[in-house]
């Protein structure tokens, strides 16, 4: 989320470009297992672009709002731990099964909530507020963080741990600024995390196969 339609669009295109560079880097290294994680900035960039459409529609309800919520909640809850598991060395994969399991259950619960309740959005100053019904929100938020941030911290990779620390510490600050309806800084956090992923992708060794 950014503070205007234009900011969301510019941030989305920039983050997606970082994703293209990340995917290109791991493809050239012949590391197919790294592709889901390298492609994460593409997903984050698309998320920002979708929100620019929410801004232009002045909130309300509609397809763009639903797509935004699907990416933000069930898709990321499953994508991140699955992608980290794919890219992780064999020694780390056993412990990463737990965040993947938590992410699978959390993703299913979030998808059910979105399927059974309408998502709404309204413009609040320099932020977009989303009306999302979450039954048992506490366990769902905990499960979401364990699946996403937890898998990165357990990856055993220095750059991915840095990514996890950035996400884990930056998200509360962004959330606080968003709740105050002062300005939305999620896009800045997404951009910073995407650059860390680009560094990770470019630093991956060549595949031996």
N, C-alpha and C. Protein backbone atom coordinates (compact mmCIF):
# COMPACT_ATOMS: atom_id res chain seq x y z
N UNK A 1 0.84 -1.19 0.00
CA UNK A 1 0.00 0.00 0.00
C UNK A 1 0.88 1.25 0.00
N UNK A 2 0.50 2.20 -0.83
CA UNK A 2 1.18 3.48 -0.88
C UNK A 2 0.18 4.60 -0.60
N UNK A 3 0.63 5.85 -0.72
CA UNK A 3 -0.20 6.98 -0.27
C UNK A 3 -1.04 7.59 -1.38
N UNK A 4 -0.97 7.06 -2.60
CA UNK A 4 -1.81 7.56 -3.69
C UNK A 4 -1.80 6.54 -4.82
N UNK A 5 -2.72 6.74 -5.78
CA UNK A 5 -2.77 5.83 -6.93
C UNK A 5 -1.47 5.88 -7.72
N UNK A 6 -0.95 7.09 -7.93
CA UNK A 6 0.29 7.23 -8.70
C UNK A 6 1.47 6.59 -7.98
N UNK A 7 1.56 6.82 -6.67
CA UNK A 7 2.66 6.23 -5.91
C UNK A 7 2.58 4.71 -5.94
N UNK A 8 1.38 4.15 -5.82
CA UNK A 8 1.22 2.70 -5.89
C UNK A 8 1.65 2.17 -7.25
N UNK A 9 1.25 2.87 -8.31
CA UNK A 9 1.58 2.40 -9.66
C UNK A 9 3.08 2.45 -9.90
N UNK A 10 3.71 3.57 -9.53
CA UNK A 10 5.16 3.71 -9.73
C UNK A 10 5.92 2.67 -8.90
N UNK A 11 5.51 2.51 -7.64
CA UNK A 11 6.16 1.52 -6.77
C UNK A 11 5.96 0.12 -7.31
N UNK A 12 4.75 -0.17 -7.78
CA UNK A 12 4.48 -1.50 -8.31
C UNK A 12 5.32 -1.85 -9.52
N UNK A 13 5.45 -0.90 -10.44
CA UNK A 13 6.27 -1.14 -11.63
C UNK A 13 7.74 -1.31 -11.24
N UNK A 14 8.22 -0.48 -10.31
CA UNK A 14 9.61 -0.59 -9.88
C UNK A 14 9.90 -1.91 -9.18
N UNK A 15 9.00 -2.32 -8.29
CA UNK A 15 9.20 -3.58 -7.57
C UNK A 15 9.12 -4.76 -8.53
N UNK A 16 8.20 -4.71 -9.50
CA UNK A 16 8.10 -5.78 -10.49
C UNK A 16 9.38 -5.87 -11.32
N UNK A 17 9.99 -4.71 -11.63
CA UNK A 17 11.25 -4.72 -12.39
C UNK A 17 12.35 -5.41 -11.59
N UNK A 18 12.36 -5.19 -10.28
CA UNK A 18 13.31 -5.90 -9.42
C UNK A 18 13.04 -7.40 -9.49
N UNK A 19 11.77 -7.77 -9.54
CA UNK A 19 11.42 -9.18 -9.66
C UNK A 19 11.92 -9.80 -10.95
N UNK A 20 11.80 -9.07 -12.04
CA UNK A 20 12.32 -9.56 -13.32
C UNK A 20 13.82 -9.79 -13.23
N UNK A 21 14.53 -8.86 -12.60
CA UNK A 21 15.99 -9.00 -12.45
C UNK A 21 16.33 -10.20 -11.57
N UNK A 22 15.54 -10.44 -10.52
CA UNK A 22 15.78 -11.57 -9.63
C UNK A 22 15.56 -12.90 -10.35
N UNK A 23 14.47 -12.98 -11.08
CA UNK A 23 14.17 -14.21 -11.84
C UNK A 23 15.25 -14.46 -12.88
N UNK A 24 15.68 -13.41 -13.55
CA UNK A 24 16.75 -13.54 -14.56
C UNK A 24 18.04 -14.06 -13.93
N UNK A 25 18.35 -13.56 -12.74
CA UNK A 25 19.59 -13.96 -12.08
C UNK A 25 19.59 -15.45 -11.73
N UNK A 26 18.51 -15.95 -11.16
CA UNK A 26 18.49 -17.37 -10.77
C UNK A 26 18.33 -18.27 -11.99
N UNK A 27 17.69 -17.77 -13.04
CA UNK A 27 17.57 -18.55 -14.28
C UNK A 27 18.94 -18.74 -14.92
N UNK A 28 19.72 -17.67 -14.95
CA UNK A 28 21.06 -17.76 -15.53
C UNK A 28 21.96 -18.67 -14.70
N UNK A 29 21.70 -18.72 -13.40
CA UNK A 29 22.49 -19.61 -12.54
C UNK A 29 22.02 -21.06 -12.62
N UNK A 30 20.91 -21.29 -13.34
CA UNK A 30 20.39 -22.65 -13.49
C UNK A 30 19.79 -23.21 -12.21
N UNK A 31 19.23 -22.32 -11.38
CA UNK A 31 18.69 -22.75 -10.09
C UNK A 31 17.17 -22.65 -10.12
N UNK A 32 16.53 -23.65 -10.73
CA UNK A 32 15.09 -23.66 -10.87
C UNK A 32 14.34 -23.64 -9.55
N UNK A 33 14.92 -24.26 -8.51
CA UNK A 33 14.25 -24.31 -7.21
C UNK A 33 14.15 -22.91 -6.59
N UNK A 34 14.97 -21.97 -7.03
CA UNK A 34 14.94 -20.62 -6.48
C UNK A 34 13.89 -19.73 -7.13
N UNK A 35 13.30 -20.17 -8.23
CA UNK A 35 12.40 -19.32 -8.99
C UNK A 35 11.19 -18.82 -8.19
N UNK A 36 10.50 -19.66 -7.41
CA UNK A 36 9.34 -19.12 -6.67
C UNK A 36 9.69 -17.97 -5.74
N UNK A 37 10.83 -18.07 -5.05
CA UNK A 37 11.22 -17.00 -4.14
C UNK A 37 11.72 -15.78 -4.91
N UNK A 38 12.47 -16.02 -5.98
CA UNK A 38 12.96 -14.91 -6.80
C UNK A 38 11.80 -14.14 -7.43
N UNK A 39 10.70 -14.83 -7.68
CA UNK A 39 9.54 -14.20 -8.30
C UNK A 39 8.66 -13.44 -7.31
N UNK A 40 8.97 -13.52 -6.02
CA UNK A 40 8.15 -12.84 -5.02
C UNK A 40 7.99 -11.34 -5.28
N UNK A 41 9.06 -10.61 -5.67
CA UNK A 41 8.86 -9.19 -5.99
C UNK A 41 7.88 -8.95 -7.14
N UNK A 42 7.78 -9.89 -8.07
CA UNK A 42 6.78 -9.76 -9.13
C UNK A 42 5.37 -9.75 -8.53
N UNK A 43 5.16 -10.63 -7.56
CA UNK A 43 3.87 -10.69 -6.89
C UNK A 43 3.61 -9.43 -6.08
N UNK A 44 4.63 -8.97 -5.37
CA UNK A 44 4.48 -7.75 -4.57
C UNK A 44 4.25 -6.53 -5.47
N UNK A 45 4.92 -6.49 -6.61
CA UNK A 45 4.70 -5.40 -7.55
C UNK A 45 3.30 -5.41 -8.11
N UNK A 46 2.81 -6.60 -8.48
CA UNK A 46 1.44 -6.72 -8.97
C UNK A 46 0.44 -6.27 -7.91
N UNK A 47 0.75 -6.57 -6.66
CA UNK A 47 -0.12 -6.18 -5.54
C UNK A 47 -0.25 -4.66 -5.47
N UNK A 48 0.87 -3.95 -5.62
CA UNK A 48 0.84 -2.49 -5.60
C UNK A 48 0.05 -1.94 -6.78
N UNK A 49 0.23 -2.53 -7.95
CA UNK A 49 -0.47 -2.07 -9.14
C UNK A 49 -1.98 -2.27 -8.99
N UNK A 50 -2.37 -3.40 -8.42
CA UNK A 50 -3.79 -3.65 -8.17
C UNK A 50 -4.36 -2.60 -7.23
N UNK A 51 -3.58 -2.22 -6.21
CA UNK A 51 -4.11 -1.22 -5.29
C UNK A 51 -4.25 0.14 -5.94
N UNK A 52 -3.44 0.44 -6.94
CA UNK A 52 -3.62 1.71 -7.66
C UNK A 52 -5.00 1.76 -8.29
N UNK A 53 -5.51 0.60 -8.70
CA UNK A 53 -6.86 0.54 -9.26
C UNK A 53 -7.91 0.77 -8.17
N UNK A 54 -7.62 0.30 -6.95
CA UNK A 54 -8.52 0.55 -5.82
C UNK A 54 -8.61 2.04 -5.53
N UNK A 55 -7.46 2.71 -5.55
CA UNK A 55 -7.44 4.16 -5.37
C UNK A 55 -8.30 4.85 -6.43
N UNK A 56 -8.11 4.48 -7.68
CA UNK A 56 -8.81 5.15 -8.78
C UNK A 56 -10.30 4.90 -8.74
N UNK A 57 -10.70 3.77 -8.16
CA UNK A 57 -12.13 3.47 -8.02
C UNK A 57 -12.73 4.11 -6.77
N UNK A 58 -11.88 4.80 -5.99
CA UNK A 58 -12.31 5.46 -4.75
C UNK A 58 -12.87 4.45 -3.75
N UNK A 59 -12.22 3.29 -3.68
CA UNK A 59 -12.62 2.27 -2.71
C UNK A 59 -13.89 1.55 -3.12
N UNK A 60 -14.72 1.27 -2.14
CA UNK A 60 -15.96 0.55 -2.40
C UNK A 60 -15.77 -0.95 -2.41
N UNK A 61 -16.36 -1.61 -3.38
CA UNK A 61 -16.21 -3.06 -3.56
C UNK A 61 -15.87 -3.31 -5.02
N UNK A 62 -15.45 -4.52 -5.32
CA UNK A 62 -15.15 -4.84 -6.71
C UNK A 62 -14.03 -5.85 -6.84
N UNK A 63 -13.74 -6.18 -8.08
CA UNK A 63 -12.76 -7.23 -8.38
C UNK A 63 -11.36 -6.86 -7.90
N UNK A 64 -10.95 -5.61 -8.12
CA UNK A 64 -9.59 -5.21 -7.72
C UNK A 64 -9.38 -5.35 -6.22
N UNK A 65 -10.39 -5.02 -5.44
CA UNK A 65 -10.29 -5.13 -3.98
C UNK A 65 -10.18 -6.59 -3.56
N UNK A 66 -10.96 -7.45 -4.22
CA UNK A 66 -10.89 -8.89 -3.91
C UNK A 66 -9.52 -9.46 -4.27
N UNK A 67 -9.01 -9.08 -5.45
CA UNK A 67 -7.68 -9.55 -5.86
C UNK A 67 -6.62 -9.08 -4.88
N UNK A 68 -6.72 -7.82 -4.45
CA UNK A 68 -5.77 -7.28 -3.47
C UNK A 68 -5.76 -8.14 -2.21
N UNK A 69 -6.96 -8.47 -1.70
CA UNK A 69 -7.06 -9.24 -0.46
C UNK A 69 -6.56 -10.67 -0.64
N UNK A 70 -6.82 -11.27 -1.79
CA UNK A 70 -6.37 -12.65 -2.04
C UNK A 70 -4.84 -12.71 -2.05
N UNK A 71 -4.20 -11.73 -2.71
CA UNK A 71 -2.74 -11.72 -2.73
C UNK A 71 -2.18 -11.49 -1.34
N UNK A 72 -2.73 -10.49 -0.64
CA UNK A 72 -2.19 -10.10 0.67
C UNK A 72 -2.34 -11.19 1.71
N UNK A 73 -3.41 -11.96 1.64
CA UNK A 73 -3.70 -12.89 2.74
C UNK A 73 -3.44 -14.36 2.37
N UNK A 74 -4.36 -15.08 1.74
CA UNK A 74 -4.09 -16.52 1.55
C UNK A 74 -2.91 -16.83 0.64
N UNK A 75 -2.72 -16.03 -0.42
CA UNK A 75 -1.64 -16.37 -1.36
C UNK A 75 -0.26 -16.21 -0.73
N UNK A 76 0.00 -15.07 -0.09
CA UNK A 76 1.32 -14.88 0.53
C UNK A 76 1.55 -15.82 1.69
N UNK A 77 0.51 -16.15 2.43
CA UNK A 77 0.65 -17.06 3.57
C UNK A 77 1.16 -18.43 3.13
N UNK A 78 0.83 -18.83 1.90
CA UNK A 78 1.29 -20.12 1.39
C UNK A 78 2.53 -19.97 0.52
N UNK A 79 2.57 -18.91 -0.29
CA UNK A 79 3.66 -18.73 -1.25
C UNK A 79 5.01 -18.62 -0.55
N UNK A 80 5.09 -17.76 0.47
CA UNK A 80 6.39 -17.49 1.10
C UNK A 80 7.01 -18.75 1.72
N UNK A 81 6.30 -19.48 2.60
CA UNK A 81 6.95 -20.66 3.18
C UNK A 81 7.25 -21.74 2.15
N UNK A 82 6.39 -21.89 1.13
CA UNK A 82 6.66 -22.88 0.09
C UNK A 82 7.88 -22.49 -0.73
N UNK A 83 8.01 -21.20 -1.05
CA UNK A 83 9.15 -20.73 -1.84
C UNK A 83 10.45 -20.85 -1.06
N UNK A 84 10.40 -20.53 0.24
CA UNK A 84 11.60 -20.65 1.07
C UNK A 84 12.02 -22.12 1.17
N UNK A 85 11.06 -23.00 1.32
CA UNK A 85 11.37 -24.43 1.40
C UNK A 85 12.03 -24.91 0.11
N UNK A 86 11.53 -24.46 -1.04
CA UNK A 86 12.11 -24.86 -2.32
C UNK A 86 13.57 -24.42 -2.44
N UNK A 87 13.86 -23.20 -1.98
CA UNK A 87 15.19 -22.63 -2.16
C UNK A 87 16.18 -23.04 -1.08
N UNK A 88 15.69 -23.55 0.03
CA UNK A 88 16.55 -23.83 1.18
C UNK A 88 17.47 -25.02 0.92
N UNK A 89 18.63 -25.04 1.56
CA UNK A 89 19.51 -26.21 1.47
C UNK A 89 18.86 -27.41 2.16
N UNK A 90 19.32 -28.59 1.80
CA UNK A 90 18.72 -29.81 2.35
C UNK A 90 18.73 -29.84 3.86
N UNK A 91 19.75 -29.28 4.48
CA UNK A 91 19.87 -29.32 5.94
C UNK A 91 18.78 -28.51 6.64
N UNK A 92 18.17 -27.55 5.93
CA UNK A 92 17.17 -26.68 6.55
C UNK A 92 15.74 -27.10 6.21
N UNK A 93 15.57 -27.99 5.27
CA UNK A 93 14.22 -28.27 4.78
C UNK A 93 13.34 -28.95 5.82
N UNK A 94 13.92 -29.76 6.67
CA UNK A 94 13.10 -30.47 7.66
C UNK A 94 12.42 -29.47 8.59
N UNK A 95 13.16 -28.47 9.09
CA UNK A 95 12.56 -27.53 10.02
C UNK A 95 11.61 -26.56 9.35
N UNK A 96 11.72 -26.42 8.02
CA UNK A 96 10.83 -25.52 7.29
C UNK A 96 9.48 -26.15 6.98
N UNK A 97 9.33 -27.43 7.27
CA UNK A 97 8.03 -28.07 7.06
C UNK A 97 6.98 -27.51 8.01
N UNK A 98 7.40 -27.09 9.20
CA UNK A 98 6.44 -26.53 10.17
C UNK A 98 5.83 -25.22 9.67
N UNK A 99 6.63 -24.20 9.27
CA UNK A 99 6.00 -23.00 8.74
C UNK A 99 5.15 -23.26 7.50
N UNK A 100 5.55 -24.24 6.68
CA UNK A 100 4.74 -24.56 5.51
C UNK A 100 3.38 -25.13 5.93
N UNK A 101 3.39 -26.01 6.93
CA UNK A 101 2.13 -26.58 7.41
C UNK A 101 1.24 -25.50 8.01
N UNK A 102 1.85 -24.63 8.82
CA UNK A 102 1.09 -23.52 9.41
C UNK A 102 0.55 -22.61 8.32
N UNK A 103 1.37 -22.33 7.31
CA UNK A 103 0.93 -21.48 6.22
C UNK A 103 -0.21 -22.10 5.42
N UNK A 104 -0.17 -23.41 5.24
CA UNK A 104 -1.24 -24.09 4.49
C UNK A 104 -2.57 -23.98 5.21
N UNK A 105 -2.55 -24.22 6.52
CA UNK A 105 -3.78 -24.12 7.31
C UNK A 105 -4.28 -22.68 7.35
N UNK A 106 -3.36 -21.75 7.59
CA UNK A 106 -3.72 -20.34 7.65
C UNK A 106 -4.28 -19.86 6.32
N UNK A 107 -3.63 -20.25 5.22
CA UNK A 107 -4.09 -19.85 3.90
C UNK A 107 -5.50 -20.36 3.63
N UNK A 108 -5.76 -21.61 4.00
CA UNK A 108 -7.09 -22.18 3.78
C UNK A 108 -8.15 -21.43 4.58
N UNK A 109 -7.82 -21.09 5.84
CA UNK A 109 -8.76 -20.36 6.69
C UNK A 109 -9.01 -18.96 6.14
N UNK A 110 -7.95 -18.29 5.69
CA UNK A 110 -8.10 -16.95 5.14
C UNK A 110 -8.91 -16.98 3.84
N UNK A 111 -8.67 -17.99 3.01
CA UNK A 111 -9.42 -18.11 1.77
C UNK A 111 -10.91 -18.33 2.06
N UNK A 112 -11.20 -19.12 3.08
CA UNK A 112 -12.60 -19.35 3.47
C UNK A 112 -13.25 -18.04 3.92
N UNK A 113 -12.53 -17.25 4.72
CA UNK A 113 -13.06 -15.96 5.17
C UNK A 113 -13.36 -15.04 3.99
N UNK A 114 -12.46 -15.00 3.02
CA UNK A 114 -12.66 -14.13 1.87
C UNK A 114 -13.80 -14.62 0.98
N UNK A 115 -13.97 -15.94 0.92
CA UNK A 115 -15.03 -16.50 0.08
C UNK A 115 -16.42 -16.30 0.67
N UNK A 116 -16.48 -16.15 1.99
CA UNK A 116 -17.79 -16.07 2.65
C UNK A 116 -18.15 -14.66 3.13
N UNK A 117 -17.25 -13.70 2.96
CA UNK A 117 -17.53 -12.33 3.38
C UNK A 117 -16.97 -11.35 2.34
N UNK A 118 -17.73 -10.32 2.08
CA UNK A 118 -17.31 -9.32 1.09
C UNK A 118 -16.21 -8.42 1.65
N UNK A 119 -15.24 -8.13 0.81
CA UNK A 119 -14.16 -7.21 1.19
C UNK A 119 -14.51 -5.82 0.67
N UNK A 120 -14.34 -4.82 1.53
CA UNK A 120 -14.61 -3.44 1.13
C UNK A 120 -13.36 -2.59 1.34
N UNK A 121 -13.34 -1.43 0.72
CA UNK A 121 -12.21 -0.50 0.87
C UNK A 121 -12.74 0.92 0.91
N UNK A 122 -12.07 1.78 1.66
CA UNK A 122 -12.42 3.20 1.66
C UNK A 122 -11.14 4.02 1.80
N UNK A 123 -11.14 5.17 1.17
CA UNK A 123 -9.99 6.06 1.19
C UNK A 123 -10.00 6.86 2.49
N UNK A 124 -8.90 6.79 3.23
CA UNK A 124 -8.78 7.50 4.50
C UNK A 124 -7.53 8.38 4.45
N UNK A 125 -7.72 9.59 3.96
CA UNK A 125 -6.57 10.49 3.83
C UNK A 125 -5.57 9.96 2.83
N UNK A 126 -4.36 9.67 3.32
CA UNK A 126 -3.31 9.14 2.45
C UNK A 126 -3.16 7.63 2.59
N UNK A 127 -4.23 6.97 3.01
CA UNK A 127 -4.21 5.51 3.14
C UNK A 127 -5.50 4.93 2.58
N UNK A 128 -5.47 3.61 2.36
CA UNK A 128 -6.67 2.87 1.98
C UNK A 128 -7.00 1.94 3.14
N UNK A 129 -8.23 2.03 3.63
CA UNK A 129 -8.67 1.13 4.69
C UNK A 129 -9.46 -0.02 4.09
N UNK A 130 -9.19 -1.23 4.55
CA UNK A 130 -9.87 -2.40 4.01
C UNK A 130 -10.75 -3.03 5.09
N UNK A 131 -11.97 -3.35 4.70
CA UNK A 131 -12.89 -4.04 5.61
C UNK A 131 -12.86 -5.52 5.30
N UNK A 132 -12.13 -6.27 6.12
CA UNK A 132 -11.97 -7.71 5.90
C UNK A 132 -12.42 -8.44 7.16
N UNK A 133 -13.43 -9.27 7.02
CA UNK A 133 -13.91 -10.04 8.17
C UNK A 133 -13.00 -11.24 8.40
N UNK A 134 -12.42 -11.33 9.58
CA UNK A 134 -11.58 -12.46 9.94
C UNK A 134 -12.09 -13.07 11.23
N UNK A 135 -12.64 -14.26 11.13
CA UNK A 135 -13.01 -14.97 12.35
C UNK A 135 -11.74 -15.53 12.99
N UNK A 136 -11.65 -15.45 14.32
CA UNK A 136 -10.44 -15.90 15.03
C UNK A 136 -9.21 -15.17 14.51
N UNK A 137 -9.28 -13.84 14.48
CA UNK A 137 -8.21 -13.05 13.89
C UNK A 137 -6.86 -13.24 14.57
N UNK A 138 -6.86 -13.41 15.90
CA UNK A 138 -5.60 -13.59 16.63
C UNK A 138 -4.81 -14.79 16.14
N UNK A 139 -5.41 -15.99 16.15
CA UNK A 139 -4.69 -17.16 15.63
C UNK A 139 -4.30 -17.03 14.17
N UNK A 140 -5.15 -16.38 13.36
CA UNK A 140 -4.83 -16.24 11.94
C UNK A 140 -3.63 -15.32 11.73
N UNK A 141 -3.57 -14.22 12.46
CA UNK A 141 -2.43 -13.31 12.34
C UNK A 141 -1.16 -13.99 12.82
N UNK A 142 -1.27 -14.72 13.93
CA UNK A 142 -0.10 -15.46 14.44
C UNK A 142 0.39 -16.48 13.44
N UNK A 143 -0.56 -17.24 12.87
CA UNK A 143 -0.20 -18.23 11.87
C UNK A 143 0.42 -17.62 10.64
N UNK A 144 -0.09 -16.47 10.23
CA UNK A 144 0.44 -15.76 9.06
C UNK A 144 1.89 -15.35 9.30
N UNK A 145 2.17 -14.80 10.46
CA UNK A 145 3.54 -14.36 10.77
C UNK A 145 4.49 -15.55 10.92
N UNK A 146 4.02 -16.62 11.54
CA UNK A 146 4.86 -17.81 11.68
C UNK A 146 5.21 -18.40 10.32
N UNK A 147 4.24 -18.37 9.40
CA UNK A 147 4.46 -18.95 8.08
C UNK A 147 5.40 -18.10 7.24
N UNK A 148 5.21 -16.79 7.26
CA UNK A 148 5.97 -15.91 6.38
C UNK A 148 7.31 -15.50 7.00
N UNK A 149 7.24 -14.71 8.06
CA UNK A 149 8.47 -14.27 8.71
C UNK A 149 9.23 -15.45 9.30
N UNK A 150 8.50 -16.38 9.90
CA UNK A 150 9.14 -17.54 10.53
C UNK A 150 9.94 -18.38 9.55
N UNK A 151 9.40 -18.61 8.36
CA UNK A 151 10.13 -19.43 7.38
C UNK A 151 11.42 -18.74 6.95
N UNK A 152 11.39 -17.43 6.81
CA UNK A 152 12.60 -16.69 6.42
C UNK A 152 13.66 -16.76 7.51
N UNK A 153 13.25 -16.61 8.76
CA UNK A 153 14.20 -16.65 9.87
C UNK A 153 14.80 -18.04 10.06
N UNK A 154 14.06 -19.07 9.67
CA UNK A 154 14.53 -20.45 9.82
C UNK A 154 15.27 -20.96 8.58
N UNK A 155 15.39 -20.11 7.56
CA UNK A 155 15.95 -20.56 6.28
C UNK A 155 17.42 -20.94 6.37
N UNK A 156 18.16 -20.33 7.31
CA UNK A 156 19.58 -20.60 7.40
C UNK A 156 20.42 -19.81 6.42
N UNK A 157 19.76 -18.97 5.60
CA UNK A 157 20.46 -18.14 4.62
C UNK A 157 20.56 -16.72 5.17
N UNK A 158 21.76 -16.15 5.17
CA UNK A 158 21.97 -14.84 5.79
C UNK A 158 21.08 -13.76 5.19
N UNK A 159 20.97 -13.70 3.88
CA UNK A 159 20.17 -12.66 3.24
C UNK A 159 18.67 -12.88 3.49
N UNK A 160 18.24 -14.13 3.52
CA UNK A 160 16.82 -14.39 3.78
C UNK A 160 16.47 -14.10 5.24
N UNK A 161 17.41 -14.34 6.14
CA UNK A 161 17.19 -13.97 7.54
C UNK A 161 17.07 -12.45 7.65
N UNK A 162 17.91 -11.72 6.90
CA UNK A 162 17.81 -10.26 6.88
C UNK A 162 16.45 -9.83 6.35
N UNK A 163 15.99 -10.49 5.31
CA UNK A 163 14.66 -10.23 4.76
C UNK A 163 13.60 -10.43 5.84
N UNK A 164 13.71 -11.54 6.58
CA UNK A 164 12.76 -11.82 7.64
C UNK A 164 12.79 -10.77 8.75
N UNK A 165 13.98 -10.33 9.10
CA UNK A 165 14.11 -9.30 10.14
C UNK A 165 13.51 -7.98 9.67
N UNK A 166 13.74 -7.62 8.41
CA UNK A 166 13.16 -6.39 7.86
C UNK A 166 11.64 -6.46 7.88
N UNK A 167 11.11 -7.59 7.44
CA UNK A 167 9.66 -7.74 7.40
C UNK A 167 9.07 -7.76 8.81
N UNK A 168 9.75 -8.46 9.72
CA UNK A 168 9.24 -8.59 11.08
C UNK A 168 9.28 -7.31 11.88
N UNK A 169 10.29 -6.47 11.63
CA UNK A 169 10.40 -5.21 12.37
C UNK A 169 9.75 -4.05 11.63
N UNK A 170 9.76 -4.09 10.30
CA UNK A 170 9.19 -3.00 9.53
C UNK A 170 7.67 -3.02 9.50
N UNK A 171 7.08 -4.22 9.52
CA UNK A 171 5.63 -4.32 9.43
C UNK A 171 4.91 -3.60 10.58
N UNK A 172 5.34 -3.75 11.84
CA UNK A 172 4.64 -3.02 12.92
C UNK A 172 4.70 -1.51 12.76
N UNK A 173 5.83 -0.99 12.27
CA UNK A 173 5.94 0.45 12.06
C UNK A 173 5.00 0.90 10.95
N UNK A 174 5.00 0.16 9.85
CA UNK A 174 4.10 0.50 8.75
C UNK A 174 2.64 0.42 9.20
N UNK A 175 2.33 -0.60 9.98
CA UNK A 175 0.95 -0.78 10.47
C UNK A 175 0.55 0.39 11.35
N UNK A 176 1.46 0.85 12.21
CA UNK A 176 1.14 1.97 13.11
C UNK A 176 0.87 3.24 12.32
N UNK A 177 1.70 3.53 11.32
CA UNK A 177 1.48 4.72 10.49
C UNK A 177 0.19 4.61 9.70
N UNK A 178 -0.12 3.41 9.24
CA UNK A 178 -1.36 3.18 8.50
C UNK A 178 -2.58 3.36 9.41
N UNK A 179 -2.51 2.83 10.63
CA UNK A 179 -3.63 2.95 11.57
C UNK A 179 -3.89 4.41 11.93
N UNK A 180 -2.84 5.21 11.98
CA UNK A 180 -3.00 6.63 12.29
C UNK A 180 -3.55 7.41 11.09
N UNK A 181 -3.67 6.72 9.94
CA UNK A 181 -4.14 7.34 8.70
C UNK A 181 -3.26 8.52 8.31
N UNK A 182 -1.97 8.41 8.67
CA UNK A 182 -1.01 9.46 8.35
C UNK A 182 -0.47 9.27 6.94
N UNK A 183 0.15 8.16 6.72
CA UNK A 183 0.65 7.81 5.39
C UNK A 183 0.91 6.31 5.37
N UNK A 184 0.75 5.71 4.21
CA UNK A 184 1.02 4.28 4.07
C UNK A 184 2.42 4.07 3.54
N UNK A 185 3.20 3.28 4.24
CA UNK A 185 4.60 3.06 3.86
C UNK A 185 4.89 1.60 3.51
N UNK A 186 3.83 0.82 3.32
CA UNK A 186 4.04 -0.60 3.00
C UNK A 186 4.82 -0.77 1.71
N UNK A 187 4.59 0.12 0.74
CA UNK A 187 5.29 -0.03 -0.54
C UNK A 187 6.79 0.18 -0.38
N UNK A 188 7.18 1.06 0.53
CA UNK A 188 8.60 1.27 0.78
C UNK A 188 9.22 0.01 1.39
N UNK A 189 8.49 -0.62 2.31
CA UNK A 189 8.98 -1.86 2.91
C UNK A 189 9.07 -2.96 1.86
N UNK A 190 8.07 -3.05 1.00
CA UNK A 190 8.09 -4.07 -0.07
C UNK A 190 9.27 -3.84 -1.00
N UNK A 191 9.55 -2.57 -1.32
CA UNK A 191 10.68 -2.26 -2.20
C UNK A 191 12.00 -2.65 -1.55
N UNK A 192 12.16 -2.33 -0.27
CA UNK A 192 13.40 -2.66 0.43
C UNK A 192 13.60 -4.16 0.50
N UNK A 193 12.56 -4.89 0.84
CA UNK A 193 12.65 -6.35 0.92
C UNK A 193 12.95 -6.95 -0.46
N UNK A 194 12.38 -6.37 -1.51
CA UNK A 194 12.63 -6.86 -2.86
C UNK A 194 14.08 -6.67 -3.26
N UNK A 195 14.68 -5.57 -2.85
CA UNK A 195 16.10 -5.34 -3.14
C UNK A 195 16.98 -6.34 -2.41
N UNK A 196 16.59 -6.69 -1.18
CA UNK A 196 17.33 -7.73 -0.45
C UNK A 196 17.23 -9.05 -1.19
N UNK A 197 16.04 -9.36 -1.71
CA UNK A 197 15.87 -10.60 -2.48
C UNK A 197 16.69 -10.58 -3.77
N UNK A 198 16.80 -9.42 -4.39
CA UNK A 198 17.62 -9.31 -5.59
C UNK A 198 19.08 -9.62 -5.26
N UNK A 199 19.56 -9.08 -4.14
CA UNK A 199 20.92 -9.39 -3.71
C UNK A 199 21.10 -10.87 -3.45
N UNK A 200 20.08 -11.49 -2.86
CA UNK A 200 20.11 -12.94 -2.62
C UNK A 200 20.18 -13.69 -3.93
N UNK A 201 19.33 -13.31 -4.88
CA UNK A 201 19.27 -14.01 -6.17
C UNK A 201 20.59 -13.90 -6.92
N UNK A 202 21.19 -12.73 -6.92
CA UNK A 202 22.45 -12.53 -7.64
C UNK A 202 23.63 -13.21 -6.95
N UNK A 203 23.49 -13.48 -5.67
CA UNK A 203 24.56 -14.13 -4.94
C UNK A 203 24.47 -15.64 -4.91
N UNK A 204 23.44 -16.20 -5.55
CA UNK A 204 23.29 -17.65 -5.54
C UNK A 204 24.35 -18.31 -6.40
N UNK A 205 24.93 -19.42 -5.95
CA UNK A 205 25.96 -20.12 -6.75
C UNK A 205 25.35 -20.77 -7.98
N UNK A 206 26.18 -21.02 -8.96
CA UNK A 206 25.72 -21.73 -10.16
C UNK A 206 25.33 -23.15 -9.82
N UNK A 207 24.28 -23.62 -10.46
CA UNK A 207 23.86 -25.00 -10.25
C UNK A 207 24.88 -25.94 -10.85
N UNK A 208 25.09 -27.08 -10.19
CA UNK A 208 26.03 -28.08 -10.70
C UNK A 208 25.39 -29.01 -11.70
N UNK A 209 24.09 -28.89 -11.86
CA UNK A 209 23.39 -29.81 -12.76
C UNK A 209 23.20 -29.17 -14.14
